Amino acid sequence: MNRFRADIEEEEIGPEPVLKPAPKKRKTAEEKMDSSSAISKLFNDGLVSKEAATRALPFLCYLAFLGMIYIGNSHFAMNNLRRINKLNAEVKELRWEYKSLKADLMFKSKMTEVAKKVDTLGIKELIEPPKKIIVKNNEY
């Protein structure tokens, strides 16, 4: 057979027409809800039976209880941290107060400061050094 003739016959026939896909039918709200809901798929397709879900209920309650304990524990820890920070600030403030009072006391206990305070009472500072009293054994 002639190859040239086969090519011409194919050109006369032309390419095959492309068929457009039929428009999709829109689903109703119930069909969308039933088919798209993951929970309903689990129960409708038979992956999880109602009996198995009922048996798993105590475990789910246990997990929920553990979750509540975890949340409560985090709240308790945050309250403790706030209280610790508050007490640390108070200790820091008291430490500064202690240091300032100690410095003030050291200043007021100097000999010149004491002499100024006692001068109002009429007590004078000694000019000569104190005398040492010596007691012999047989004098006593």
N, C-alpha and C. Protein backbone atom coordinates (compact mmCIF):
# COMPACT_ATOMS: atom_id res chain seq x y z
N MET A 1 0.83 -1.16 0.00
CA MET A 1 0.00 0.00 0.00
C MET A 1 0.88 1.24 0.00
N ASN A 2 0.34 2.28 -0.51
CA ASN A 2 1.08 3.51 -0.70
C ASN A 2 0.99 4.34 0.58
N ARG A 3 2.15 4.69 1.14
CA ARG A 3 2.15 5.47 2.38
C ARG A 3 1.66 6.88 2.13
N PHE A 4 2.00 7.44 0.99
CA PHE A 4 1.59 8.80 0.67
C PHE A 4 0.08 8.90 0.63
N ARG A 5 -0.59 7.91 0.03
CA ARG A 5 -2.04 7.91 -0.07
C ARG A 5 -2.68 7.79 1.30
N ALA A 6 -2.12 7.02 2.20
CA ALA A 6 -2.67 6.85 3.54
C ALA A 6 -2.63 8.17 4.30
N ASP A 7 -1.55 8.96 4.10
CA ASP A 7 -1.45 10.26 4.76
C ASP A 7 -2.52 11.21 4.27
N ILE A 8 -2.79 11.21 2.98
CA ILE A 8 -3.80 12.10 2.42
C ILE A 8 -5.18 11.73 2.94
N GLU A 9 -5.47 10.45 3.03
CA GLU A 9 -6.78 10.01 3.51
C GLU A 9 -6.99 10.43 4.97
N GLU A 10 -5.95 10.39 5.74
CA GLU A 10 -6.07 10.80 7.13
C GLU A 10 -6.33 12.29 7.25
N GLU A 11 -5.72 13.11 6.35
CA GLU A 11 -5.93 14.54 6.39
C GLU A 11 -7.35 14.90 6.00
N GLU A 12 -7.92 14.15 5.05
CA GLU A 12 -9.27 14.44 4.62
C GLU A 12 -10.28 14.13 5.74
N ILE A 13 -10.00 13.10 6.47
CA ILE A 13 -10.90 12.73 7.56
C ILE A 13 -10.81 13.78 8.66
N GLY A 14 -9.62 14.26 8.94
CA GLY A 14 -9.43 15.29 9.95
C GLY A 14 -9.24 14.68 11.34
N PRO A 15 -8.85 15.49 12.20
CA PRO A 15 -8.63 14.99 13.56
C PRO A 15 -9.95 14.66 14.23
N GLU A 16 -9.86 13.81 15.22
CA GLU A 16 -11.07 13.42 15.95
C GLU A 16 -11.55 14.60 16.80
N PRO A 17 -12.85 14.83 16.85
CA PRO A 17 -13.36 15.93 17.65
C PRO A 17 -13.14 15.64 19.15
N VAL A 18 -12.79 16.71 19.88
CA VAL A 18 -12.57 16.59 21.32
C VAL A 18 -13.91 16.77 22.02
N LEU A 19 -14.28 15.79 22.82
CA LEU A 19 -15.55 15.85 23.54
C LEU A 19 -15.34 16.56 24.88
N LYS A 20 -16.23 17.47 25.15
CA LYS A 20 -16.18 18.18 26.42
C LYS A 20 -16.84 17.31 27.48
N PRO A 21 -16.25 17.32 28.70
CA PRO A 21 -16.88 16.51 29.75
C PRO A 21 -18.22 17.13 30.14
N ALA A 22 -19.11 16.28 30.53
CA ALA A 22 -20.45 16.72 30.93
C ALA A 22 -20.33 17.53 32.21
N PRO A 23 -21.10 18.61 32.35
CA PRO A 23 -21.03 19.41 33.58
C PRO A 23 -21.43 18.56 34.79
N LYS A 24 -20.71 18.80 35.88
CA LYS A 24 -20.97 18.01 37.09
C LYS A 24 -22.26 18.46 37.74
N LYS A 25 -22.93 17.49 38.27
CA LYS A 25 -24.17 17.75 38.97
C LYS A 25 -23.85 18.25 40.38
N ARG A 26 -24.45 19.35 40.77
CA ARG A 26 -24.18 19.92 42.10
C ARG A 26 -24.87 19.07 43.17
N LYS A 27 -24.12 18.94 44.29
CA LYS A 27 -24.66 18.15 45.39
C LYS A 27 -25.50 19.03 46.29
N THR A 28 -26.47 18.43 46.90
CA THR A 28 -27.30 19.17 47.85
C THR A 28 -26.53 19.31 49.16
N ALA A 29 -27.06 20.12 50.06
CA ALA A 29 -26.39 20.38 51.34
C ALA A 29 -26.27 19.10 52.17
N GLU A 30 -27.29 18.25 52.12
CA GLU A 30 -27.24 17.00 52.88
C GLU A 30 -26.16 16.07 52.34
N GLU A 31 -26.07 15.98 50.98
CA GLU A 31 -25.07 15.12 50.39
C GLU A 31 -23.67 15.63 50.70
N LYS A 32 -23.47 16.97 50.65
CA LYS A 32 -22.18 17.53 50.99
C LYS A 32 -21.83 17.23 52.44
N MET A 33 -22.79 17.38 53.32
CA MET A 33 -22.55 17.18 54.73
C MET A 33 -22.23 15.71 55.01
N ASP A 34 -22.95 14.82 54.39
CA ASP A 34 -22.73 13.40 54.62
C ASP A 34 -21.40 12.94 54.02
N SER A 35 -21.10 13.38 52.82
CA SER A 35 -19.91 12.87 52.15
C SER A 35 -18.63 13.56 52.61
N SER A 36 -18.72 14.82 53.03
CA SER A 36 -17.51 15.55 53.38
C SER A 36 -17.16 15.46 54.86
N SER A 37 -18.09 15.08 55.68
CA SER A 37 -17.83 15.01 57.11
C SER A 37 -16.95 13.79 57.42
N ALA A 38 -15.81 14.05 58.01
CA ALA A 38 -14.87 12.97 58.29
C ALA A 38 -15.44 12.00 59.32
N ILE A 39 -16.17 12.53 60.27
CA ILE A 39 -16.75 11.66 61.30
C ILE A 39 -17.80 10.75 60.69
N SER A 40 -18.63 11.32 59.81
CA SER A 40 -19.66 10.49 59.20
C SER A 40 -19.04 9.45 58.27
N LYS A 41 -17.92 9.79 57.63
CA LYS A 41 -17.24 8.80 56.79
C LYS A 41 -16.73 7.64 57.63
N LEU A 42 -16.20 7.98 58.82
CA LEU A 42 -15.70 6.91 59.68
C LEU A 42 -16.81 5.94 60.06
N PHE A 43 -17.98 6.49 60.41
CA PHE A 43 -19.06 5.61 60.84
C PHE A 43 -19.79 4.96 59.67
N ASN A 44 -19.97 5.68 58.56
CA ASN A 44 -20.72 5.13 57.42
C ASN A 44 -19.91 4.11 56.65
N ASP A 45 -18.61 4.32 56.51
CA ASP A 45 -17.79 3.38 55.75
C ASP A 45 -17.45 2.14 56.55
N GLY A 46 -17.72 2.15 57.81
CA GLY A 46 -17.50 0.97 58.63
C GLY A 46 -16.11 0.89 59.22
N LEU A 47 -15.34 1.98 59.20
CA LEU A 47 -14.01 1.94 59.78
C LEU A 47 -14.10 1.86 61.31
N VAL A 48 -15.05 2.58 61.87
CA VAL A 48 -15.26 2.54 63.31
C VAL A 48 -16.74 2.24 63.54
N SER A 49 -16.98 1.23 64.29
CA SER A 49 -18.37 0.90 64.57
C SER A 49 -18.85 1.67 65.79
N LYS A 50 -20.13 1.72 65.97
CA LYS A 50 -20.68 2.44 67.11
C LYS A 50 -20.29 1.76 68.42
N GLU A 51 -20.17 0.45 68.39
CA GLU A 51 -19.77 -0.27 69.60
C GLU A 51 -18.33 0.07 69.97
N ALA A 52 -17.46 0.17 68.95
CA ALA A 52 -16.06 0.51 69.23
C ALA A 52 -15.96 1.94 69.76
N ALA A 53 -16.77 2.83 69.21
CA ALA A 53 -16.76 4.22 69.70
C ALA A 53 -17.25 4.27 71.14
N THR A 54 -18.25 3.47 71.47
CA THR A 54 -18.77 3.43 72.83
C THR A 54 -17.72 2.86 73.78
N ARG A 55 -16.97 1.86 73.32
CA ARG A 55 -15.92 1.29 74.16
C ARG A 55 -14.77 2.28 74.37
N ALA A 56 -14.53 3.16 73.39
CA ALA A 56 -13.43 4.12 73.50
C ALA A 56 -13.81 5.34 74.32
N LEU A 57 -15.07 5.49 74.67
CA LEU A 57 -15.54 6.66 75.41
C LEU A 57 -14.84 6.84 76.76
N PRO A 58 -14.65 5.78 77.57
CA PRO A 58 -13.92 5.99 78.84
C PRO A 58 -12.50 6.50 78.62
N PHE A 59 -11.84 6.00 77.60
CA PHE A 59 -10.47 6.45 77.30
C PHE A 59 -10.48 7.91 76.89
N LEU A 60 -11.46 8.32 76.10
CA LEU A 60 -11.56 9.72 75.69
C LEU A 60 -11.85 10.62 76.90
N CYS A 61 -12.68 10.14 77.80
CA CYS A 61 -12.95 10.90 79.04
C CYS A 61 -11.68 11.02 79.87
N TYR A 62 -10.89 9.93 79.92
CA TYR A 62 -9.62 9.95 80.64
C TYR A 62 -8.67 10.97 80.02
N LEU A 63 -8.60 11.01 78.69
CA LEU A 63 -7.74 11.99 78.01
C LEU A 63 -8.21 13.42 78.28
N ALA A 64 -9.53 13.63 78.29
CA ALA A 64 -10.06 14.96 78.60
C ALA A 64 -9.71 15.35 80.03
N PHE A 65 -9.80 14.40 80.96
CA PHE A 65 -9.43 14.67 82.36
C PHE A 65 -7.95 15.03 82.47
N LEU A 66 -7.10 14.29 81.78
CA LEU A 66 -5.67 14.61 81.79
C LEU A 66 -5.41 15.99 81.20
N GLY A 67 -6.14 16.33 80.16
CA GLY A 67 -6.00 17.67 79.56
C GLY A 67 -6.37 18.76 80.55
N MET A 68 -7.45 18.55 81.29
CA MET A 68 -7.84 19.55 82.29
C MET A 68 -6.80 19.67 83.40
N ILE A 69 -6.24 18.54 83.82
CA ILE A 69 -5.18 18.58 84.84
C ILE A 69 -3.97 19.33 84.30
N TYR A 70 -3.62 19.09 83.05
CA TYR A 70 -2.47 19.77 82.43
C TYR A 70 -2.70 21.29 82.40
N ILE A 71 -3.89 21.71 82.03
CA ILE A 71 -4.21 23.15 81.98
C ILE A 71 -4.18 23.75 83.38
N GLY A 72 -4.76 23.05 84.34
CA GLY A 72 -4.75 23.53 85.72
C GLY A 72 -3.34 23.62 86.28
N ASN A 73 -2.53 22.64 85.95
CA ASN A 73 -1.14 22.65 86.42
C ASN A 73 -0.36 23.82 85.83
N SER A 74 -0.60 24.13 84.57
CA SER A 74 0.10 25.27 83.95
C SER A 74 -0.35 26.59 84.59
N HIS A 75 -1.65 26.71 84.91
CA HIS A 75 -2.13 27.92 85.60
C HIS A 75 -1.49 28.04 86.99
N PHE A 76 -1.42 26.92 87.70
CA PHE A 76 -0.81 26.91 89.03
C PHE A 76 0.66 27.32 88.95
N ALA A 77 1.38 26.80 87.94
CA ALA A 77 2.80 27.13 87.78
C ALA A 77 2.98 28.61 87.45
N MET A 78 2.12 29.15 86.60
CA MET A 78 2.22 30.57 86.26
C MET A 78 1.96 31.45 87.48
N ASN A 79 0.98 31.07 88.31
CA ASN A 79 0.71 31.83 89.53
C ASN A 79 1.92 31.77 90.48
N ASN A 80 2.54 30.61 90.59
CA ASN A 80 3.74 30.48 91.43
C ASN A 80 4.87 31.36 90.90
N LEU A 81 5.05 31.39 89.59
CA LEU A 81 6.11 32.22 89.01
C LEU A 81 5.86 33.70 89.29
N ARG A 82 4.61 34.13 89.15
CA ARG A 82 4.27 35.53 89.45
C ARG A 82 4.57 35.86 90.91
N ARG A 83 4.19 34.94 91.81
CA ARG A 83 4.41 35.16 93.23
C ARG A 83 5.91 35.19 93.54
N ILE A 84 6.68 34.31 92.92
CA ILE A 84 8.13 34.28 93.15
C ILE A 84 8.76 35.57 92.66
N ASN A 85 8.36 36.05 91.49
CA ASN A 85 8.90 37.30 90.97
C ASN A 85 8.56 38.48 91.88
N LYS A 86 7.35 38.48 92.40
CA LYS A 86 6.92 39.54 93.32
C LYS A 86 7.76 39.51 94.59
N LEU A 87 7.99 38.31 95.14
CA LEU A 87 8.78 38.18 96.36
C LEU A 87 10.25 38.54 96.11
N ASN A 88 10.78 38.19 94.93
CA ASN A 88 12.15 38.57 94.59
C ASN A 88 12.31 40.09 94.54
N ALA A 89 11.31 40.76 93.97
CA ALA A 89 11.36 42.23 93.92
C ALA A 89 11.31 42.81 95.33
N GLU A 90 10.48 42.22 96.20
CA GLU A 90 10.38 42.70 97.58
C GLU A 90 11.69 42.47 98.34
N VAL A 91 12.31 41.30 98.13
CA VAL A 91 13.59 41.00 98.79
C VAL A 91 14.66 41.98 98.31
N LYS A 92 14.65 42.28 97.02
CA LYS A 92 15.63 43.23 96.48
C LYS A 92 15.45 44.61 97.11
N GLU A 93 14.20 45.03 97.24
CA GLU A 93 13.92 46.33 97.85
C GLU A 93 14.34 46.35 99.32
N LEU A 94 14.06 45.29 100.06
CA LEU A 94 14.45 45.21 101.47
C LEU A 94 15.97 45.17 101.62
N ARG A 95 16.65 44.51 100.68
CA ARG A 95 18.11 44.46 100.73
C ARG A 95 18.70 45.86 100.58
N TRP A 96 18.13 46.63 99.63
CA TRP A 96 18.61 48.01 99.45
C TRP A 96 18.33 48.86 100.69
N GLU A 97 17.18 48.66 101.30
CA GLU A 97 16.84 49.39 102.52
C GLU A 97 17.81 49.03 103.65
N TYR A 98 18.12 47.74 103.77
CA TYR A 98 19.07 47.29 104.79
C TYR A 98 20.43 47.94 104.58
N LYS A 99 20.91 47.95 103.33
CA LYS A 99 22.23 48.53 103.06
C LYS A 99 22.25 50.03 103.35
N SER A 100 21.19 50.73 103.00
CA SER A 100 21.17 52.17 103.27
C SER A 100 21.11 52.45 104.78
N LEU A 101 20.31 51.66 105.52
CA LEU A 101 20.26 51.85 106.97
C LEU A 101 21.59 51.50 107.63
N LYS A 102 22.25 50.48 107.13
CA LYS A 102 23.55 50.09 107.68
C LYS A 102 24.58 51.19 107.44
N ALA A 103 24.58 51.77 106.23
CA ALA A 103 25.51 52.86 105.94
C ALA A 103 25.21 54.07 106.82
N ASP A 104 23.94 54.37 107.03
CA ASP A 104 23.56 55.48 107.89
C ASP A 104 24.00 55.25 109.33
N LEU A 105 23.83 54.02 109.82
CA LEU A 105 24.26 53.67 111.17
C LEU A 105 25.79 53.78 111.30
N MET A 106 26.50 53.32 110.28
CA MET A 106 27.97 53.42 110.32
C MET A 106 28.40 54.89 110.38
N PHE A 107 27.70 55.74 109.65
CA PHE A 107 28.03 57.16 109.67
C PHE A 107 27.74 57.76 111.03
N LYS A 108 26.59 57.42 111.61
CA LYS A 108 26.20 58.00 112.90
C LYS A 108 27.03 57.45 114.06
N SER A 109 27.69 56.32 113.88
CA SER A 109 28.49 55.76 114.97
C SER A 109 29.95 56.21 114.93
N LYS A 110 30.28 57.12 114.03
CA LYS A 110 31.64 57.68 114.01
C LYS A 110 31.83 58.50 115.29
N MET A 111 33.09 58.62 115.68
CA MET A 111 33.39 59.29 116.94
C MET A 111 32.98 60.77 116.90
N THR A 112 33.16 61.41 115.77
CA THR A 112 32.80 62.83 115.69
C THR A 112 31.29 63.03 115.74
N GLU A 113 30.56 62.13 115.11
CA GLU A 113 29.11 62.24 115.13
C GLU A 113 28.56 61.96 116.52
N VAL A 114 29.14 60.98 117.20
CA VAL A 114 28.71 60.67 118.57
C VAL A 114 29.03 61.84 119.48
N ALA A 115 30.20 62.45 119.28
CA ALA A 115 30.58 63.60 120.11
C ALA A 115 29.61 64.75 119.91
N LYS A 116 29.16 64.97 118.69
CA LYS A 116 28.17 66.04 118.44
C LYS A 116 26.86 65.76 119.15
N LYS A 117 26.43 64.52 119.15
CA LYS A 117 25.15 64.17 119.79
C LYS A 117 25.25 64.26 121.32
N VAL A 118 26.38 63.85 121.87
CA VAL A 118 26.53 63.79 123.31
C VAL A 118 26.85 65.18 123.88
N ASP A 119 27.34 66.09 123.06
CA ASP A 119 27.69 67.43 123.52
C ASP A 119 26.48 68.14 124.12
N THR A 120 25.30 67.85 123.63
CA THR A 120 24.10 68.49 124.17
C THR A 120 23.81 68.04 125.60
N LEU A 121 24.30 66.87 125.98
CA LEU A 121 24.10 66.35 127.33
C LEU A 121 25.15 66.88 128.32
N GLY A 122 26.16 67.56 127.79
CA GLY A 122 27.20 68.11 128.67
C GLY A 122 28.40 67.20 128.80
N ILE A 123 28.45 66.14 128.08
CA ILE A 123 29.59 65.21 128.14
C ILE A 123 30.61 65.67 127.10
N LYS A 124 31.86 65.75 127.53
CA LYS A 124 32.92 66.21 126.65
C LYS A 124 33.80 65.02 126.26
N GLU A 125 34.50 65.21 125.16
CA GLU A 125 35.41 64.19 124.69
C GLU A 125 36.71 64.29 125.49
N LEU A 126 37.31 63.15 125.78
CA LEU A 126 38.56 63.13 126.54
C LEU A 126 39.71 63.68 125.69
N ILE A 127 40.53 64.49 126.30
CA ILE A 127 41.69 65.04 125.59
C ILE A 127 42.91 64.17 125.88
N GLU A 128 43.08 63.75 127.13
CA GLU A 128 44.22 62.90 127.49
C GLU A 128 43.77 61.44 127.45
N PRO A 129 44.70 60.55 127.23
CA PRO A 129 44.33 59.14 127.17
C PRO A 129 43.92 58.61 128.53
N PRO A 130 43.16 57.55 128.58
CA PRO A 130 42.72 57.00 129.86
C PRO A 130 43.91 56.42 130.64
N LYS A 131 43.80 56.44 131.97
CA LYS A 131 44.86 55.93 132.83
C LYS A 131 44.57 54.47 133.14
N LYS A 132 45.63 53.72 133.22
CA LYS A 132 45.52 52.30 133.49
C LYS A 132 45.67 52.08 134.99
N ILE A 133 44.76 51.36 135.58
CA ILE A 133 44.79 51.06 137.01
C ILE A 133 45.40 49.68 137.19
N ILE A 134 46.45 49.64 138.00
CA ILE A 134 47.13 48.37 138.23
C ILE A 134 46.87 47.96 139.68
N VAL A 135 46.37 46.74 139.85
CA VAL A 135 46.07 46.22 141.18
C VAL A 135 47.04 45.04 141.42
N LYS A 136 47.75 45.12 142.57
CA LYS A 136 48.67 44.05 142.92
C LYS A 136 47.89 42.98 143.66
N ASN A 137 48.42 41.78 143.64
CA ASN A 137 47.74 40.64 144.24
C ASN A 137 47.52 40.81 145.74
N ASN A 138 48.49 41.34 146.46
CA ASN A 138 48.34 41.43 147.90
C ASN A 138 47.52 42.65 148.34
N GLU A 139 47.25 43.59 147.45
CA GLU A 139 46.42 44.76 147.79
C GLU A 139 44.93 44.42 147.78
N TYR A 140 44.61 43.47 147.19
CA TYR A 140 43.20 43.16 147.04
C TYR A 140 42.72 42.32 148.11
